[in-house]
Amino acid sequence: MRRGWLGTSIGLNVVAIGIVASTLSVVMFTIQDLLTLLTGKFAAFHGPKGIWYVALAVLAALFCAMNVFVLRPGLPRFLAALLSITMASHVLEQFVALPTQQLKLAAICRSFVLAVVILLFWRFRSAAIAS
């Protein structure tokens, strides 16, 4: 896939919207996962805010899935795929009723994936700053 479109204003807007959607989705759904783990019940966001959070998760999942095809092979592509799956599972969780045990397992898996992504980001960021 040619990457020339990333230098255009449309490409810049797509990346900016994707990063903001991913960041907000990670924060909100991490809170939701922690509440699910602590209470043992699915903590759904209701009302207009809940709709916005699901829409952000859809945008984040699409952005991460797009990055699977744009990023170079290896770890960045693998992490983008994991984040895409994580965001997609949040969206599906809003519409499919799951038993409590499966919700807890999904929350633990998503928390682990997000922790790995954040730790790798910090590691590579500090290496990039040092060089």
N, C-alpha and C. Protein backbone atom coordinates (compact mmCIF):
# COMPACT_ATOMS: atom_id res chain seq x y z
N MET A 1 0.84 -1.17 0.00
CA MET A 1 0.00 0.00 0.00
C MET A 1 0.89 1.24 0.00
N ARG A 2 0.60 2.16 -0.87
CA ARG A 2 1.38 3.39 -0.92
C ARG A 2 1.04 4.27 0.27
N ARG A 3 2.05 4.93 0.80
CA ARG A 3 1.85 5.74 1.99
C ARG A 3 1.86 7.23 1.70
N GLY A 4 1.79 7.62 0.44
CA GLY A 4 1.82 9.02 0.09
C GLY A 4 0.62 9.80 0.62
N TRP A 5 -0.51 9.14 0.78
CA TRP A 5 -1.71 9.82 1.24
C TRP A 5 -1.60 10.25 2.71
N LEU A 6 -0.68 9.65 3.45
CA LEU A 6 -0.52 10.04 4.85
C LEU A 6 0.02 11.45 5.00
N GLY A 7 0.69 11.96 3.97
CA GLY A 7 1.22 13.32 4.01
C GLY A 7 0.21 14.39 3.66
N THR A 8 -0.96 13.99 3.19
CA THR A 8 -1.99 14.96 2.82
C THR A 8 -2.77 15.39 4.05
N SER A 9 -3.59 16.41 3.88
CA SER A 9 -4.40 16.89 5.02
C SER A 9 -5.45 15.85 5.43
N ILE A 10 -5.97 15.11 4.46
CA ILE A 10 -6.94 14.05 4.80
C ILE A 10 -6.26 12.95 5.61
N GLY A 11 -5.07 12.56 5.21
CA GLY A 11 -4.33 11.56 5.96
C GLY A 11 -4.02 12.02 7.36
N LEU A 12 -3.65 13.29 7.50
CA LEU A 12 -3.36 13.85 8.81
C LEU A 12 -4.61 13.85 9.69
N ASN A 13 -5.75 14.20 9.11
CA ASN A 13 -7.01 14.19 9.87
C ASN A 13 -7.40 12.77 10.28
N VAL A 14 -7.22 11.80 9.40
CA VAL A 14 -7.54 10.41 9.72
C VAL A 14 -6.70 9.93 10.89
N VAL A 15 -5.41 10.23 10.84
CA VAL A 15 -4.51 9.81 11.91
C VAL A 15 -4.86 10.51 13.22
N ALA A 16 -5.14 11.81 13.16
CA ALA A 16 -5.48 12.55 14.38
C ALA A 16 -6.76 12.03 15.01
N ILE A 17 -7.78 11.82 14.19
CA ILE A 17 -9.06 11.31 14.71
C ILE A 17 -8.86 9.90 15.27
N GLY A 18 -8.09 9.08 14.59
CA GLY A 18 -7.84 7.72 15.05
C GLY A 18 -7.09 7.67 16.37
N ILE A 19 -6.10 8.55 16.52
CA ILE A 19 -5.34 8.57 17.78
C ILE A 19 -6.22 9.05 18.93
N VAL A 20 -7.01 10.09 18.70
CA VAL A 20 -7.90 10.59 19.75
C VAL A 20 -8.95 9.54 20.10
N ALA A 21 -9.55 8.91 19.10
CA ALA A 21 -10.56 7.88 19.36
C ALA A 21 -9.95 6.70 20.11
N SER A 22 -8.76 6.29 19.72
CA SER A 22 -8.11 5.17 20.40
C SER A 22 -7.78 5.50 21.84
N THR A 23 -7.25 6.69 22.06
CA THR A 23 -6.88 7.09 23.42
C THR A 23 -8.09 7.18 24.34
N LEU A 24 -9.14 7.85 23.88
CA LEU A 24 -10.35 7.97 24.70
C LEU A 24 -11.00 6.61 24.93
N SER A 25 -11.01 5.76 23.91
CA SER A 25 -11.59 4.43 24.06
C SER A 25 -10.81 3.59 25.05
N VAL A 26 -9.50 3.66 24.97
CA VAL A 26 -8.67 2.89 25.91
C VAL A 26 -8.95 3.34 27.34
N VAL A 27 -9.03 4.63 27.57
CA VAL A 27 -9.29 5.13 28.93
C VAL A 27 -10.66 4.71 29.42
N MET A 28 -11.69 4.96 28.62
CA MET A 28 -13.05 4.67 29.06
C MET A 28 -13.31 3.17 29.24
N PHE A 29 -12.79 2.37 28.33
CA PHE A 29 -13.07 0.95 28.44
C PHE A 29 -12.16 0.26 29.44
N THR A 30 -11.04 0.87 29.79
CA THR A 30 -10.24 0.34 30.89
C THR A 30 -10.98 0.57 32.21
N ILE A 31 -11.59 1.73 32.34
CA ILE A 31 -12.42 1.99 33.52
C ILE A 31 -13.57 1.00 33.58
N GLN A 32 -14.21 0.76 32.45
CA GLN A 32 -15.32 -0.19 32.40
C GLN A 32 -14.85 -1.61 32.75
N ASP A 33 -13.68 -2.01 32.25
CA ASP A 33 -13.14 -3.33 32.58
C ASP A 33 -12.82 -3.45 34.07
N LEU A 34 -12.23 -2.40 34.63
CA LEU A 34 -11.92 -2.43 36.07
C LEU A 34 -13.18 -2.52 36.91
N LEU A 35 -14.21 -1.78 36.52
CA LEU A 35 -15.49 -1.88 37.24
C LEU A 35 -16.10 -3.27 37.10
N THR A 36 -15.96 -3.88 35.95
CA THR A 36 -16.47 -5.24 35.74
C THR A 36 -15.72 -6.22 36.62
N LEU A 37 -14.41 -6.06 36.70
CA LEU A 37 -13.61 -6.96 37.54
C LEU A 37 -13.90 -6.75 39.03
N LEU A 38 -14.11 -5.51 39.45
CA LEU A 38 -14.34 -5.23 40.86
C LEU A 38 -15.74 -5.63 41.32
N THR A 39 -16.75 -5.33 40.50
CA THR A 39 -18.13 -5.60 40.91
C THR A 39 -18.64 -6.96 40.47
N GLY A 40 -18.05 -7.53 39.43
CA GLY A 40 -18.53 -8.82 38.93
C GLY A 40 -19.71 -8.69 37.99
N LYS A 41 -20.15 -7.47 37.72
CA LYS A 41 -21.25 -7.23 36.79
C LYS A 41 -20.77 -6.32 35.67
N PHE A 42 -21.43 -6.43 34.53
CA PHE A 42 -21.09 -5.58 33.40
C PHE A 42 -21.50 -4.15 33.70
N ALA A 43 -20.56 -3.24 33.65
CA ALA A 43 -20.82 -1.84 33.92
C ALA A 43 -21.00 -1.11 32.59
N ALA A 44 -22.24 -1.05 32.14
CA ALA A 44 -22.53 -0.43 30.84
C ALA A 44 -22.66 1.08 30.99
N PHE A 45 -22.22 1.80 29.97
CA PHE A 45 -22.42 3.23 29.91
C PHE A 45 -23.77 3.46 29.23
N HIS A 46 -24.66 4.20 29.90
CA HIS A 46 -26.01 4.40 29.38
C HIS A 46 -26.17 5.81 28.83
N GLY A 47 -27.20 5.95 28.01
CA GLY A 47 -27.55 7.26 27.49
C GLY A 47 -26.67 7.71 26.34
N PRO A 48 -26.68 9.00 26.07
CA PRO A 48 -25.89 9.53 24.95
C PRO A 48 -24.40 9.29 25.09
N LYS A 49 -23.88 9.33 26.33
CA LYS A 49 -22.45 9.07 26.51
C LYS A 49 -22.09 7.66 26.08
N GLY A 50 -22.95 6.71 26.38
CA GLY A 50 -22.69 5.32 25.99
C GLY A 50 -22.63 5.16 24.48
N ILE A 51 -23.49 5.88 23.77
CA ILE A 51 -23.48 5.83 22.31
C ILE A 51 -22.18 6.42 21.77
N TRP A 52 -21.74 7.54 22.37
CA TRP A 52 -20.49 8.15 21.93
C TRP A 52 -19.29 7.25 22.20
N TYR A 53 -19.29 6.56 23.34
CA TYR A 53 -18.17 5.67 23.66
C TYR A 53 -18.11 4.50 22.69
N VAL A 54 -19.26 3.98 22.32
CA VAL A 54 -19.28 2.87 21.35
C VAL A 54 -18.84 3.38 19.98
N ALA A 55 -19.29 4.59 19.60
CA ALA A 55 -18.86 5.16 18.31
C ALA A 55 -17.35 5.40 18.29
N LEU A 56 -16.79 5.86 19.41
CA LEU A 56 -15.35 6.04 19.49
C LEU A 56 -14.62 4.71 19.40
N ALA A 57 -15.18 3.68 20.02
CA ALA A 57 -14.55 2.36 19.95
C ALA A 57 -14.59 1.81 18.53
N VAL A 58 -15.68 2.08 17.80
CA VAL A 58 -15.75 1.65 16.40
C VAL A 58 -14.69 2.37 15.58
N LEU A 59 -14.56 3.68 15.77
CA LEU A 59 -13.52 4.44 15.06
C LEU A 59 -12.12 3.94 15.43
N ALA A 60 -11.91 3.65 16.71
CA ALA A 60 -10.60 3.16 17.15
C ALA A 60 -10.30 1.79 16.55
N ALA A 61 -11.30 0.92 16.49
CA ALA A 61 -11.10 -0.40 15.90
C ALA A 61 -10.78 -0.29 14.42
N LEU A 62 -11.48 0.59 13.70
CA LEU A 62 -11.20 0.79 12.28
C LEU A 62 -9.82 1.39 12.06
N PHE A 63 -9.44 2.34 12.92
CA PHE A 63 -8.12 2.96 12.80
C PHE A 63 -7.02 1.93 13.05
N CYS A 64 -7.19 1.12 14.08
CA CYS A 64 -6.17 0.10 14.38
C CYS A 64 -6.12 -0.96 13.28
N ALA A 65 -7.29 -1.33 12.74
CA ALA A 65 -7.31 -2.29 11.63
C ALA A 65 -6.64 -1.70 10.40
N MET A 66 -6.83 -0.41 10.15
CA MET A 66 -6.17 0.24 9.02
C MET A 66 -4.65 0.23 9.22
N ASN A 67 -4.21 0.42 10.46
CA ASN A 67 -2.78 0.43 10.74
C ASN A 67 -2.13 -0.93 10.52
N VAL A 68 -2.91 -1.99 10.60
CA VAL A 68 -2.37 -3.32 10.33
C VAL A 68 -1.84 -3.37 8.90
N PHE A 69 -2.49 -2.65 8.00
CA PHE A 69 -2.07 -2.67 6.60
C PHE A 69 -1.05 -1.58 6.27
N VAL A 70 -1.00 -0.52 7.08
CA VAL A 70 -0.12 0.60 6.78
C VAL A 70 1.24 0.45 7.45
N LEU A 71 1.27 -0.05 8.66
CA LEU A 71 2.52 -0.13 9.42
C LEU A 71 3.46 -1.18 8.84
N ARG A 72 4.73 -1.04 9.20
CA ARG A 72 5.72 -2.00 8.74
C ARG A 72 5.51 -3.33 9.43
N PRO A 73 5.98 -4.42 8.84
CA PRO A 73 5.79 -5.74 9.45
C PRO A 73 6.51 -5.83 10.79
N GLY A 74 6.05 -6.73 11.59
CA GLY A 74 6.70 -6.96 12.88
C GLY A 74 5.84 -6.51 14.04
N LEU A 75 6.49 -6.04 15.08
CA LEU A 75 5.82 -5.70 16.33
C LEU A 75 4.77 -4.59 16.18
N PRO A 76 5.02 -3.49 15.46
CA PRO A 76 3.97 -2.48 15.34
C PRO A 76 2.69 -3.01 14.68
N ARG A 77 2.85 -3.82 13.68
CA ARG A 77 1.68 -4.39 13.01
C ARG A 77 0.93 -5.35 13.94
N PHE A 78 1.69 -6.14 14.69
CA PHE A 78 1.08 -7.09 15.64
C PHE A 78 0.33 -6.34 16.73
N LEU A 79 0.91 -5.28 17.27
CA LEU A 79 0.25 -4.50 18.31
C LEU A 79 -1.00 -3.79 17.77
N ALA A 80 -0.95 -3.31 16.55
CA ALA A 80 -2.13 -2.69 15.95
C ALA A 80 -3.25 -3.71 15.79
N ALA A 81 -2.89 -4.94 15.42
CA ALA A 81 -3.90 -6.00 15.31
C ALA A 81 -4.50 -6.33 16.67
N LEU A 82 -3.67 -6.40 17.71
CA LEU A 82 -4.18 -6.68 19.05
C LEU A 82 -5.11 -5.57 19.54
N LEU A 83 -4.73 -4.31 19.30
CA LEU A 83 -5.60 -3.21 19.70
C LEU A 83 -6.91 -3.20 18.92
N SER A 84 -6.84 -3.58 17.65
CA SER A 84 -8.06 -3.66 16.85
C SER A 84 -9.01 -4.71 17.40
N ILE A 85 -8.46 -5.85 17.76
CA ILE A 85 -9.28 -6.92 18.34
C ILE A 85 -9.85 -6.48 19.69
N THR A 86 -9.04 -5.78 20.48
CA THR A 86 -9.49 -5.30 21.79
C THR A 86 -10.66 -4.33 21.64
N MET A 87 -10.53 -3.37 20.74
CA MET A 87 -11.60 -2.40 20.54
C MET A 87 -12.86 -3.05 19.96
N ALA A 88 -12.65 -3.99 19.04
CA ALA A 88 -13.81 -4.69 18.47
C ALA A 88 -14.54 -5.51 19.54
N SER A 89 -13.80 -6.09 20.47
CA SER A 89 -14.45 -6.86 21.53
C SER A 89 -15.26 -5.95 22.45
N HIS A 90 -14.79 -4.72 22.66
CA HIS A 90 -15.57 -3.76 23.45
C HIS A 90 -16.89 -3.43 22.75
N VAL A 91 -16.83 -3.26 21.45
CA VAL A 91 -18.05 -2.95 20.71
C VAL A 91 -19.02 -4.12 20.76
N LEU A 92 -18.53 -5.32 20.53
CA LEU A 92 -19.40 -6.50 20.57
C LEU A 92 -19.98 -6.73 21.96
N GLU A 93 -19.21 -6.43 22.97
CA GLU A 93 -19.67 -6.62 24.35
C GLU A 93 -20.89 -5.76 24.66
N GLN A 94 -21.01 -4.63 23.99
CA GLN A 94 -22.15 -3.73 24.23
C GLN A 94 -23.46 -4.31 23.69
N PHE A 95 -23.36 -5.22 22.71
CA PHE A 95 -24.56 -5.72 22.05
C PHE A 95 -24.84 -7.19 22.33
N VAL A 96 -23.87 -7.92 22.85
CA VAL A 96 -24.04 -9.34 23.10
C VAL A 96 -23.95 -9.58 24.60
N ALA A 97 -24.94 -10.25 25.17
CA ALA A 97 -24.93 -10.54 26.60
C ALA A 97 -24.04 -11.76 26.86
N LEU A 98 -23.04 -11.56 27.68
CA LEU A 98 -22.10 -12.63 28.03
C LEU A 98 -22.23 -12.97 29.50
N PRO A 99 -21.97 -14.24 29.85
CA PRO A 99 -21.95 -14.60 31.28
C PRO A 99 -20.83 -13.86 32.01
N THR A 100 -20.97 -13.75 33.31
CA THR A 100 -20.03 -12.99 34.12
C THR A 100 -18.61 -13.52 34.01
N GLN A 101 -18.43 -14.82 34.00
CA GLN A 101 -17.10 -15.39 33.92
C GLN A 101 -16.41 -15.00 32.61
N GLN A 102 -17.14 -15.02 31.52
CA GLN A 102 -16.56 -14.63 30.24
C GLN A 102 -16.25 -13.14 30.20
N LEU A 103 -17.10 -12.33 30.84
CA LEU A 103 -16.82 -10.90 30.91
C LEU A 103 -15.53 -10.64 31.69
N LYS A 104 -15.35 -11.34 32.81
CA LYS A 104 -14.14 -11.17 33.60
C LYS A 104 -12.91 -11.62 32.83
N LEU A 105 -13.01 -12.73 32.13
CA LEU A 105 -11.89 -13.22 31.34
C LEU A 105 -11.53 -12.24 30.23
N ALA A 106 -12.54 -11.71 29.55
CA ALA A 106 -12.30 -10.73 28.49
C ALA A 106 -11.67 -9.46 29.07
N ALA A 107 -12.13 -9.03 30.23
CA ALA A 107 -11.57 -7.82 30.86
C ALA A 107 -10.11 -8.04 31.25
N ILE A 108 -9.78 -9.21 31.76
CA ILE A 108 -8.39 -9.51 32.13
C ILE A 108 -7.51 -9.55 30.89
N CYS A 109 -7.98 -10.19 29.83
CA CYS A 109 -7.20 -10.26 28.58
C CYS A 109 -6.98 -8.88 27.99
N ARG A 110 -8.03 -8.06 27.96
CA ARG A 110 -7.89 -6.71 27.41
C ARG A 110 -6.95 -5.87 28.26
N SER A 111 -7.05 -6.00 29.57
CA SER A 111 -6.15 -5.25 30.45
C SER A 111 -4.70 -5.66 30.22
N PHE A 112 -4.46 -6.95 30.03
CA PHE A 112 -3.11 -7.43 29.76
C PHE A 112 -2.59 -6.88 28.43
N VAL A 113 -3.40 -6.92 27.39
CA VAL A 113 -2.99 -6.41 26.08
C VAL A 113 -2.67 -4.92 26.16
N LEU A 114 -3.52 -4.16 26.83
CA LEU A 114 -3.29 -2.72 26.94
C LEU A 114 -2.04 -2.42 27.77
N ALA A 115 -1.79 -3.20 28.82
CA ALA A 115 -0.58 -3.00 29.61
C ALA A 115 0.66 -3.27 28.77
N VAL A 116 0.63 -4.32 27.96
CA VAL A 116 1.77 -4.63 27.09
C VAL A 116 1.99 -3.51 26.08
N VAL A 117 0.93 -3.02 25.48
CA VAL A 117 1.05 -1.94 24.49
C VAL A 117 1.62 -0.67 25.14
N ILE A 118 1.13 -0.31 26.31
CA ILE A 118 1.61 0.89 26.98
C ILE A 118 3.07 0.74 27.40
N LEU A 119 3.44 -0.42 27.94
CA LEU A 119 4.84 -0.63 28.34
C LEU A 119 5.78 -0.61 27.14
N LEU A 120 5.38 -1.20 26.03
CA LEU A 120 6.21 -1.17 24.84
C LEU A 120 6.32 0.24 24.27
N PHE A 121 5.23 1.00 24.33
CA PHE A 121 5.27 2.38 23.87
C PHE A 121 6.27 3.19 24.69
N TRP A 122 6.20 3.05 26.01
CA TRP A 122 7.13 3.79 26.87
C TRP A 122 8.58 3.38 26.60
N ARG A 123 8.79 2.09 26.37
CA ARG A 123 10.14 1.60 26.13
C ARG A 123 10.70 2.19 24.84
N PHE A 124 9.92 2.12 23.75
CA PHE A 124 10.40 2.63 22.48
C PHE A 124 10.46 4.15 22.47
N ARG A 125 9.60 4.80 23.22
CA ARG A 125 9.63 6.26 23.30
C ARG A 125 10.91 6.72 23.99
N SER A 126 11.24 6.07 25.09
CA SER A 126 12.46 6.46 25.80
C SER A 126 13.70 6.15 24.97
N ALA A 127 13.67 5.06 24.20
CA ALA A 127 14.80 4.74 23.31
C ALA A 127 14.91 5.75 22.20
N ALA A 128 13.78 6.23 21.67
CA ALA A 128 13.81 7.24 20.60
C ALA A 128 14.30 8.58 21.13
N ILE A 129 13.94 8.91 22.34
CA ILE A 129 14.39 10.18 22.93
C ILE A 129 15.89 10.13 23.20
N ALA A 130 16.38 8.97 23.65
CA ALA A 130 17.81 8.83 23.97
C ALA A 130 18.67 8.92 22.72
N SER A 131 18.15 8.48 21.57
CA SER A 131 18.96 8.52 20.35
C SER A 131 18.69 9.76 19.59
